[in-house]
Amino acid sequence: MFHDALKRLLHWALLALILHGLWEAAQLPLYTLWADSSCRRILSYLFHCIAGDVLIAMGAYLITATIFRNIDWPWRDVWRGGAVMIVLGLVYTVFSEWYNVYQLRAWSYAASMPLVMGIGLVPLMQWLVVPILMIVIFRRRR
């Protein structure tokens, strides 16, 4: 049983790495760092964000499994589990974007980034679209 749960979590992490990696690479031009002349700094930022997304996705999966007391929630309680995943991702993203953009000033948005109440729309969309894609793909793999 533990082996199966670990296998599911690792598959979830790999899926998160691929899908969030593609999303992060696509949205990079919407941040000012894209204009940085240092390719190393851009890649470092990109890998940092992808790693963070994978950790958020894994944490959200485990929190959802804990709430429903079932590691198989994507098959047994997909709608409620998916809603929890999306809410967790959005809450974390709103806080992280606000904190990193306005408090730490760790990054900033390019003028082309659409904003919703000061938060980038594209990272918000990421935590609506990617978890849904992950659940659909995850369910089909079984």
Protein backbone atom coordinates (compact mmCIF):
# COMPACT_ATOMS: atom_id res chain seq x y z
CA MET A 1 0.00 0.00 0.00
CA PHE A 2 2.80 2.43 0.93
CA HIS A 3 4.60 1.51 -2.29
CA ASP A 4 1.48 2.32 -4.34
CA ALA A 5 1.01 5.67 -2.57
CA LEU A 6 4.65 6.61 -3.13
CA LYS A 7 4.39 5.59 -6.78
CA ARG A 8 1.29 7.80 -7.25
CA LEU A 9 3.01 10.74 -5.59
CA LEU A 10 6.10 10.36 -7.78
CA HIS A 11 3.94 10.17 -10.92
CA TRP A 12 2.11 13.28 -9.73
CA ALA A 13 5.45 15.06 -9.20
CA LEU A 14 6.70 14.09 -12.67
CA LEU A 15 3.48 15.29 -14.26
CA ALA A 16 3.75 18.55 -12.29
CA LEU A 17 7.36 18.97 -13.44
CA ILE A 18 6.38 18.62 -17.09
CA LEU A 19 3.19 20.69 -17.14
CA HIS A 20 4.29 23.44 -14.76
CA GLY A 21 7.66 23.54 -16.51
CA LEU A 22 5.98 24.20 -19.84
CA TRP A 23 3.71 26.83 -18.27
CA GLU A 24 6.58 28.61 -16.49
CA ALA A 25 8.66 28.72 -19.67
CA ALA A 26 5.71 30.12 -21.62
CA GLN A 27 4.90 32.84 -19.08
CA LEU A 28 8.50 33.95 -18.49
CA PRO A 29 8.27 36.88 -20.98
CA LEU A 30 5.50 38.35 -18.80
CA TYR A 31 8.06 39.04 -16.06
CA THR A 32 10.77 41.69 -16.22
CA LEU A 33 13.46 39.10 -15.59
CA TRP A 34 13.01 37.98 -19.20
CA ALA A 35 14.85 41.16 -20.24
CA ASP A 36 17.84 40.27 -18.04
CA SER A 37 21.07 39.90 -20.02
CA SER A 38 22.20 36.95 -17.89
CA CYS A 39 20.97 33.67 -19.32
CA ARG A 40 22.19 31.96 -16.15
CA ARG A 41 20.00 34.19 -13.98
CA ILE A 42 16.97 33.56 -16.21
CA LEU A 43 17.49 29.78 -16.09
CA SER A 44 18.04 29.89 -12.33
CA TYR A 45 14.77 31.78 -11.91
CA LEU A 46 12.96 29.36 -14.21
CA PHE A 47 14.23 26.25 -12.39
CA HIS A 48 13.46 27.82 -9.01
CA CYS A 49 9.86 28.50 -10.05
CA ILE A 50 9.38 25.04 -11.55
CA ALA A 51 10.74 23.38 -8.41
CA GLY A 52 8.40 25.51 -6.31
CA ASP A 53 5.44 24.56 -8.50
CA VAL A 54 6.26 20.86 -8.13
CA LEU A 55 6.46 21.21 -4.34
CA ILE A 56 3.16 23.13 -4.26
CA ALA A 57 1.49 20.49 -6.45
CA MET A 58 2.79 17.65 -4.27
CA GLY A 59 1.79 19.43 -1.08
CA ALA A 60 -1.68 20.17 -2.44
CA TYR A 61 -2.08 16.52 -3.50
CA LEU A 62 -1.11 15.31 -0.02
CA ILE A 63 -3.29 17.88 1.76
CA THR A 64 -6.21 16.85 -0.43
CA ALA A 65 -5.51 13.17 0.32
CA THR A 66 -5.41 14.00 4.03
CA ILE A 67 -8.69 15.92 3.90
CA PHE A 68 -10.45 13.04 2.12
CA ARG A 69 -8.42 10.38 3.95
CA ASN A 70 -7.72 8.72 0.65
CA ILE A 71 -4.63 8.83 -1.56
CA ASP A 72 -6.87 7.75 -4.45
CA TRP A 73 -9.02 10.89 -4.36
CA PRO A 74 -8.43 11.61 -8.11
CA TRP A 75 -10.48 8.48 -8.86
CA ARG A 76 -12.89 8.40 -5.94
CA ASP A 77 -13.69 12.04 -5.26
CA VAL A 78 -12.41 13.87 -8.32
CA TRP A 79 -14.74 16.90 -8.24
CA ARG A 80 -14.31 17.81 -4.59
CA GLY A 81 -10.63 16.85 -4.63
CA GLY A 82 -10.03 18.91 -7.76
CA ALA A 83 -11.78 21.89 -6.18
CA VAL A 84 -9.56 21.60 -3.09
CA MET A 85 -6.45 21.37 -5.30
CA ILE A 86 -7.45 24.49 -7.23
CA VAL A 87 -8.27 26.48 -4.09
CA LEU A 88 -4.98 25.50 -2.44
CA GLY A 89 -3.00 26.43 -5.56
CA LEU A 90 -4.80 29.75 -5.98
CA VAL A 91 -4.47 30.74 -2.32
CA TYR A 92 -0.76 29.98 -2.33
CA THR A 93 -0.25 31.76 -5.67
CA VAL A 94 -2.04 34.93 -4.57
CA PHE A 95 0.06 35.08 -1.41
CA SER A 96 3.33 34.20 -3.16
CA GLU A 97 2.87 36.65 -6.03
CA TRP A 98 1.86 39.46 -3.66
CA TYR A 99 4.69 38.74 -1.24
CA ASN A 100 7.41 38.32 -3.88
CA VAL A 101 6.32 41.21 -6.10
CA TYR A 102 5.30 43.82 -3.54
CA GLN A 103 7.07 42.90 -0.31
CA LEU A 104 10.35 41.20 -1.24
CA ARG A 105 10.54 42.72 -4.71
CA ALA A 106 12.10 39.41 -5.78
CA TRP A 107 10.49 39.76 -9.21
CA SER A 108 8.20 42.10 -11.06
CA TYR A 109 5.69 41.94 -13.85
CA ALA A 110 6.34 43.17 -17.36
CA ALA A 111 3.89 45.74 -18.70
CA SER A 112 2.35 42.96 -20.81
CA MET A 113 1.23 40.93 -17.76
CA PRO A 114 -2.52 41.33 -17.25
CA LEU A 115 -3.30 41.99 -13.59
CA VAL A 116 -6.25 41.11 -11.37
CA MET A 117 -6.20 43.32 -8.26
CA GLY A 118 -2.42 43.67 -8.65
CA ILE A 119 -1.73 39.95 -9.09
CA GLY A 120 -0.65 38.47 -12.43
CA LEU A 121 -3.53 36.82 -14.26
CA VAL A 122 -1.32 34.24 -15.96
CA PRO A 123 0.03 32.67 -12.74
CA LEU A 124 -3.54 32.59 -11.42
CA MET A 125 -4.66 30.82 -14.60
CA GLN A 126 -1.80 28.37 -14.14
CA TRP A 127 -3.36 27.10 -10.91
CA LEU A 128 -6.74 26.73 -12.58
CA VAL A 129 -5.62 25.05 -15.79
CA VAL A 130 -2.63 22.90 -14.82
CA PRO A 131 -4.27 21.05 -11.87
CA ILE A 132 -7.25 20.18 -14.07
CA LEU A 133 -4.92 18.87 -16.80
CA MET A 134 -2.94 16.94 -14.22
CA ILE A 135 -6.07 15.26 -12.83
CA VAL A 136 -7.34 14.37 -16.32
CA ILE A 137 -3.97 12.90 -17.36
CA PHE A 138 -3.47 11.18 -14.01
CA ARG A 139 -6.91 9.52 -14.21
CA ARG A 140 -6.27 8.30 -17.78
CA ARG A 141 -2.97 6.69 -16.82
CA ARG A 142 -4.65 4.30 -14.42
